[in-house]
């Protein structure tokens, strides 16, 4: 079982604390460390308390983008535009790597102006639909507002690949990335994230697939009713009996309320006002749920 393997790995880290010259580093998803069984060994706190959260704030996500663009093949035009239009001078390191100017790394207002020059100032014909610089990471974050660099880069790659289609349809559009292509990027990133969670937590996929077609935010009673209608919880319980599931739900014995807590810990469900439940776009789109005015679910096109 994956829990046993992870607990054993943490115990190895504990043993290495006695060595001065060797400091192993392990990357673990936060949801795995939330499991009490993983930490059920003596002195586990000595390892857990030394953990450092690896998060990607918005400015660092965009810093990653600039670093890609500044060192991509035929990237001289981008670096020249940064200097001419924004006064940002790239420096060439001895090993041939171009170093990003400090302002592009830390100044979010500068980052916004740079991205506006690439994707335009609005996610539509005016400001009512949002602003690309904030819209993209907001729609790729989970319920804890954490956006993975993999999702961010995947969404931008898809947006770049599909913007040509929109430029042919709208030849007067003046920006490199079309806002509709950014939405296509979110669809792809959501499909990738859903596949990742399906591999690690198959039971999550079963629960969420039973909700396809619903529109969020939604009362939790409606979610529970759909699970009951499809016999989803019973099916998951039966599939776990006698197996060594990698990361089974910890609270399945509590029924729907327990599974709600499990999904909330994973960042899939997001409680909002008046007892309603929201599902972040990075999961909602890929699992086929709707939201008024939001990005269309994967496989649903505009009619």
Protein backbone atom coordinates (compact mmCIF):
# COMPACT_ATOMS: atom_id res chain seq x y z
CA UNK A 1 0.00 0.00 0.00
CA UNK A 2 1.25 3.45 -0.86
CA UNK A 3 0.67 4.68 2.71
CA UNK A 4 3.08 2.04 4.04
CA UNK A 5 5.69 2.96 1.44
CA UNK A 6 5.46 6.63 2.27
CA UNK A 7 5.61 5.96 6.03
CA UNK A 8 8.71 3.84 5.45
CA UNK A 9 10.29 6.60 3.36
CA UNK A 10 9.70 9.13 6.13
CA UNK A 11 11.24 6.74 8.64
CA UNK A 12 14.34 6.56 6.44
CA UNK A 13 14.50 10.36 6.48
CA UNK A 14 14.33 10.25 10.27
CA UNK A 15 17.29 7.87 10.41
CA UNK A 16 19.32 10.14 8.14
CA UNK A 17 18.99 12.97 10.65
CA UNK A 18 21.93 11.44 12.51
CA UNK A 19 24.23 12.11 9.54
CA UNK A 20 25.83 15.53 9.23
CA UNK A 21 26.95 15.42 5.61
CA UNK A 22 23.91 13.74 4.06
CA UNK A 23 20.56 15.53 3.85
CA UNK A 24 18.02 13.65 1.70
CA UNK A 25 15.16 15.66 0.22
CA UNK A 26 11.77 14.12 -0.57
CA UNK A 27 8.93 15.74 -2.50
CA UNK A 28 5.52 14.73 -1.14
CA UNK A 29 2.07 16.07 -1.99
CA UNK A 30 0.45 17.81 1.01
CA UNK A 31 -2.63 15.58 0.89
CA UNK A 32 -0.45 12.53 1.53
CA UNK A 33 0.96 14.08 4.71
CA UNK A 34 -2.56 14.79 5.95
CA UNK A 35 -3.12 11.05 6.38
CA UNK A 36 -2.62 10.05 10.07
CA UNK A 37 -1.44 6.56 9.09
CA UNK A 38 1.52 8.03 7.23
CA UNK A 39 2.72 9.74 10.42
CA UNK A 40 2.05 6.81 12.78
CA UNK A 41 5.62 6.09 13.88
CA UNK A 42 7.76 7.38 16.78
CA UNK A 43 9.28 10.86 16.33
CA UNK A 44 7.41 11.43 13.08
CA UNK A 45 7.00 15.08 14.07
CA UNK A 46 10.76 15.60 13.72
CA UNK A 47 10.41 14.92 10.00
CA UNK A 48 7.00 16.51 9.42
CA UNK A 49 7.87 19.73 11.24
CA UNK A 50 10.88 20.30 9.00
CA UNK A 51 8.74 20.23 5.83
CA UNK A 52 8.78 23.28 3.59
CA UNK A 53 5.71 24.10 1.51
CA UNK A 54 6.55 24.25 -2.20
CA UNK A 55 4.01 26.71 -3.59
CA UNK A 56 3.88 28.66 -6.83
CA UNK A 57 2.51 32.18 -6.36
CA UNK A 58 1.31 33.98 -9.45
CA UNK A 59 4.47 36.03 -9.98
CA UNK A 60 6.60 32.87 -10.00
CA UNK A 61 4.33 31.17 -12.52
CA UNK A 62 4.77 34.10 -14.86
CA UNK A 63 8.48 34.19 -14.08
CA UNK A 64 8.60 30.59 -15.32
CA UNK A 65 6.89 31.70 -18.53
CA UNK A 66 9.36 34.54 -19.11
CA UNK A 67 12.30 32.20 -18.51
CA UNK A 68 10.92 29.78 -21.10
CA UNK A 69 10.34 32.54 -23.65
CA UNK A 70 13.70 34.20 -23.02
CA UNK A 71 15.62 30.96 -23.66
CA UNK A 72 13.47 29.34 -26.35
CA UNK A 73 14.77 28.92 -29.91
CA UNK A 74 14.50 32.20 -31.82
CA UNK A 75 13.89 34.05 -28.54
CA UNK A 76 15.93 37.12 -29.46
CA UNK A 77 12.79 38.96 -30.60
CA UNK A 78 11.15 38.45 -27.21
CA UNK A 79 14.20 39.71 -25.32
CA UNK A 80 14.47 42.71 -27.65
CA UNK A 81 10.79 43.55 -27.11
CA UNK A 82 11.30 43.34 -23.33
CA UNK A 83 14.10 45.91 -23.63
CA UNK A 84 12.45 48.27 -26.13
CA UNK A 85 8.96 48.22 -24.69
CA UNK A 86 9.57 47.72 -20.97
CA UNK A 87 13.22 48.60 -20.29
CA UNK A 88 14.06 45.03 -19.21
CA UNK A 89 17.55 43.90 -20.23
CA UNK A 90 18.38 40.20 -20.25
CA UNK A 91 21.92 39.12 -19.31
CA UNK A 92 23.74 36.21 -20.97
CA UNK A 93 25.39 33.83 -18.51
CA UNK A 94 28.66 32.09 -19.32
CA UNK A 95 26.94 28.77 -20.04
CA UNK A 96 24.67 30.32 -22.67
CA UNK A 97 21.58 30.76 -20.48
CA UNK A 98 19.81 34.12 -20.58
CA UNK A 99 19.01 35.46 -17.12
CA UNK A 100 15.66 37.12 -16.56
CA UNK A 101 15.71 40.75 -15.36
CA UNK A 102 14.79 41.11 -11.68
CA UNK A 103 11.78 43.29 -12.43
CA UNK A 104 10.19 40.61 -14.60
CA UNK A 105 10.62 38.17 -11.72
CA UNK A 106 9.15 40.24 -8.90
CA UNK A 107 7.12 43.21 -10.18
CA UNK A 108 3.55 41.98 -10.75
CA UNK A 109 2.44 45.24 -12.34
CA UNK A 110 5.24 44.89 -14.88
CA UNK A 111 4.32 41.23 -15.39
CA UNK A 112 0.71 42.24 -16.02
CA UNK A 113 1.74 44.78 -18.66
CA UNK A 114 3.95 42.20 -20.34
CA UNK A 115 1.20 39.60 -20.46
CA UNK A 116 -1.31 42.20 -21.63
CA UNK A 117 1.00 42.84 -24.60
CA UNK A 118 0.82 39.12 -25.43
CA UNK A 119 -2.78 38.19 -24.54
CA UNK A 120 -4.62 41.52 -24.45
CA UNK A 121 -6.12 43.31 -21.46
CA UNK A 122 -9.46 41.48 -21.30
CA UNK A 123 -10.93 37.97 -21.52
CA UNK A 124 -13.44 39.19 -24.10
CA UNK A 125 -14.47 42.41 -25.78
CA UNK A 126 -14.45 44.31 -22.47
CA UNK A 127 -13.41 43.96 -18.83
CA UNK A 128 -16.56 42.13 -17.69
CA UNK A 129 -15.06 38.70 -18.40
CA UNK A 130 -11.90 39.34 -16.43
CA UNK A 131 -8.25 40.05 -17.13
CA UNK A 132 -5.94 37.41 -18.66
CA UNK A 133 -3.10 37.94 -16.18
CA UNK A 134 -5.28 37.04 -13.18
CA UNK A 135 -7.88 34.95 -15.01
CA UNK A 136 -5.50 32.18 -16.10
CA UNK A 137 -3.95 31.19 -12.74
CA UNK A 138 -7.31 31.70 -10.98
CA UNK A 139 -8.98 29.17 -13.30
CA UNK A 140 -6.13 26.67 -12.90
CA UNK A 141 -6.03 26.70 -9.10
CA UNK A 142 -7.55 24.07 -6.84
CA UNK A 143 -9.80 24.79 -3.85
CA UNK A 144 -6.73 25.92 -1.90
CA UNK A 145 -5.84 28.38 -4.70
CA UNK A 146 -2.75 26.38 -5.55
CA UNK A 147 -1.81 26.30 -9.24
CA UNK A 148 0.70 23.75 -10.46
CA UNK A 149 3.34 24.90 -12.97
CA UNK A 150 2.51 21.86 -15.09
CA UNK A 151 -1.09 23.01 -15.50
CA UNK A 152 0.02 26.60 -16.16
CA UNK A 153 2.52 25.66 -18.86
CA UNK A 154 0.15 23.14 -20.47
CA UNK A 155 -2.63 25.73 -20.69
CA UNK A 156 -0.33 28.29 -22.30
CA UNK A 157 1.07 25.77 -24.75
CA UNK A 158 -2.44 24.86 -25.90
CA UNK A 159 -3.38 28.55 -26.11
CA UNK A 160 -0.36 29.23 -28.31
CA UNK A 161 -1.13 26.27 -30.57
CA UNK A 162 -4.80 27.13 -31.05
CA UNK A 163 -4.55 30.92 -31.30
CA UNK A 164 -3.73 30.58 -35.00
CA UNK A 165 -7.24 29.19 -35.58
CA UNK A 166 -8.79 32.24 -33.94
CA UNK A 167 -6.51 34.62 -35.86
CA UNK A 168 -7.80 33.13 -39.10
CA UNK A 169 -11.38 33.68 -37.94
CA UNK A 170 -10.66 37.12 -36.48
CA UNK A 171 -7.80 38.52 -38.61
CA UNK A 172 -7.96 41.96 -36.95
CA UNK A 173 -7.30 40.61 -33.45
CA UNK A 174 -4.04 42.35 -32.44
CA UNK A 175 -2.63 40.03 -29.75
CA UNK A 176 -0.61 36.82 -30.04
CA UNK A 177 -2.82 34.80 -27.65
CA UNK A 178 -6.57 34.91 -28.20
CA UNK A 179 -8.73 34.87 -25.08
CA UNK A 180 -10.78 31.95 -26.46
CA UNK A 181 -7.54 30.02 -26.91
CA UNK A 182 -6.75 30.63 -23.23
CA UNK A 183 -10.06 28.95 -22.41
CA UNK A 184 -9.05 26.00 -24.59
CA UNK A 185 -5.84 25.89 -22.58
CA UNK A 186 -7.78 25.62 -19.33
CA UNK A 187 -9.78 22.75 -20.83
CA UNK A 188 -6.60 20.85 -21.66
CA UNK A 189 -5.01 21.55 -18.26
CA UNK A 190 -8.17 20.33 -16.54
CA UNK A 191 -8.19 17.13 -18.61
CA UNK A 192 -4.57 16.50 -17.62
CA UNK A 193 -5.24 17.19 -13.93
CA UNK A 194 -8.26 14.90 -13.96
CA UNK A 195 -6.21 12.09 -15.47
CA UNK A 196 -3.53 12.58 -12.80
CA UNK A 197 -6.02 12.36 -9.95
CA UNK A 198 -7.69 9.39 -11.63
CA UNK A 199 -4.38 7.53 -11.50
CA UNK A 200 -3.68 8.35 -7.84
CA UNK A 201 -7.24 8.32 -6.48
CA UNK A 202 -9.53 6.18 -8.68
CA UNK A 203 -12.35 6.59 -6.15
CA UNK A 204 -12.32 10.37 -6.72
CA UNK A 205 -12.98 9.80 -10.41
CA UNK A 206 -15.95 7.56 -9.59
CA UNK A 207 -17.45 10.17 -7.28
CA UNK A 208 -16.95 13.02 -9.72
CA UNK A 209 -18.11 11.14 -12.82
CA UNK A 210 -21.42 10.55 -11.08
CA UNK A 211 -21.87 14.35 -10.94
CA UNK A 212 -21.37 14.99 -14.67
CA UNK A 213 -23.92 17.42 -16.06
CA UNK A 214 -24.59 19.24 -12.80
CA UNK A 215 -24.00 22.99 -12.52
CA UNK A 216 -22.06 24.46 -9.60
CA UNK A 217 -22.19 26.01 -7.06
CA UNK A 218 -24.70 23.48 -5.76
CA UNK A 219 -26.11 22.36 -2.40
CA UNK A 220 -24.27 19.33 -1.07
CA UNK A 221 -27.64 17.56 -0.74
CA UNK A 222 -27.83 17.51 -4.55
CA UNK A 223 -24.39 15.94 -4.78
CA UNK A 224 -25.30 13.33 -2.18
CA UNK A 225 -28.56 12.59 -4.01
CA UNK A 226 -26.65 11.93 -7.25
CA UNK A 227 -24.27 9.56 -5.44
CA UNK A 228 -27.22 7.70 -3.94
CA UNK A 229 -29.03 7.58 -7.25
CA UNK A 230 -26.05 5.95 -8.93
CA UNK A 231 -25.06 3.74 -5.98
CA UNK A 232 -21.63 5.33 -6.20
CA UNK A 233 -20.57 5.02 -2.57
CA UNK A 234 -21.58 1.38 -2.38
CA UNK A 235 -19.67 0.65 -5.59
CA UNK A 236 -16.52 2.29 -4.22
CA UNK A 237 -16.85 0.42 -0.91
CA UNK A 238 -17.20 -2.90 -2.71
CA UNK A 239 -14.19 -2.20 -4.92
CA UNK A 240 -12.03 -1.52 -1.84
CA UNK A 241 -12.92 -4.70 0.03
CA UNK A 242 -10.05 -7.17 0.09
CA UNK A 243 -7.79 -4.91 -1.99
CA UNK A 244 -4.68 -2.90 -1.25
CA UNK A 245 -5.82 0.38 -2.81
CA UNK A 246 -3.05 2.94 -3.21
CA UNK A 247 -4.77 5.89 -1.53
CA UNK A 248 -8.29 4.89 -0.46
CA UNK A 249 -10.74 7.41 1.02
CA UNK A 250 -10.09 7.77 4.74
CA UNK A 251 -13.68 8.54 5.78
CA UNK A 252 -15.76 6.29 3.56
CA UNK A 253 -17.28 4.65 6.65
CA UNK A 254 -18.93 8.03 7.39
CA UNK A 255 -20.77 7.96 4.07
CA UNK A 256 -21.33 11.05 1.95
CA UNK A 257 -20.32 13.58 4.66
CA UNK A 258 -17.02 11.77 5.16
CA UNK A 259 -16.32 11.67 1.43
CA UNK A 260 -17.10 15.37 1.25
CA UNK A 261 -14.33 15.98 3.80
CA UNK A 262 -11.93 13.75 1.87
CA UNK A 263 -12.61 15.63 -1.37
CA UNK A 264 -12.29 18.97 0.37
CA UNK A 265 -8.87 18.00 1.77
CA UNK A 266 -7.76 17.10 -1.76
CA UNK A 267 -8.86 20.52 -3.04
CA UNK A 268 -11.52 19.03 -5.33
CA UNK A 269 -14.53 20.40 -3.46
CA UNK A 270 -14.72 23.96 -2.16
CA UNK A 271 -17.37 24.86 0.44
CA UNK A 272 -18.87 28.30 -0.18
CA UNK A 273 -21.65 30.35 1.39
CA UNK A 274 -25.02 28.95 2.48
CA UNK A 275 -23.80 25.35 2.59
CA UNK A 276 -23.18 25.18 -1.15
CA UNK A 277 -20.28 23.45 -2.86
CA UNK A 278 -18.12 24.80 -5.65
CA UNK A 279 -15.69 22.80 -7.77
CA UNK A 280 -12.60 24.63 -9.10
CA UNK A 281 -12.37 24.80 -12.88
CA UNK A 282 -9.20 22.70 -12.95
CA UNK A 283 -11.42 19.76 -11.88
CA UNK A 284 -14.91 20.91 -12.89
CA UNK A 285 -14.13 21.28 -16.60
CA UNK A 286 -12.43 17.90 -16.95
CA UNK A 287 -15.12 16.05 -15.00
CA UNK A 288 -17.91 17.50 -17.14
CA UNK A 289 -19.69 19.84 -14.73
CA UNK A 290 -21.01 23.24 -15.73
CA UNK A 291 -20.99 26.69 -14.26
CA UNK A 292 -22.92 29.69 -15.51
CA UNK A 293 -20.60 31.97 -17.43
CA UNK A 294 -17.64 29.66 -16.87
CA UNK A 295 -15.31 27.71 -19.14
CA UNK A 296 -17.25 24.97 -20.92
CA UNK A 297 -16.59 21.38 -19.82
CA UNK A 298 -14.26 19.27 -21.92
CA UNK A 299 -16.08 17.97 -25.00
CA UNK A 300 -18.77 20.67 -24.90
CA UNK A 301 -18.49 23.23 -27.69
CA UNK A 302 -20.35 26.46 -28.29
CA UNK A 303 -23.52 26.02 -30.33
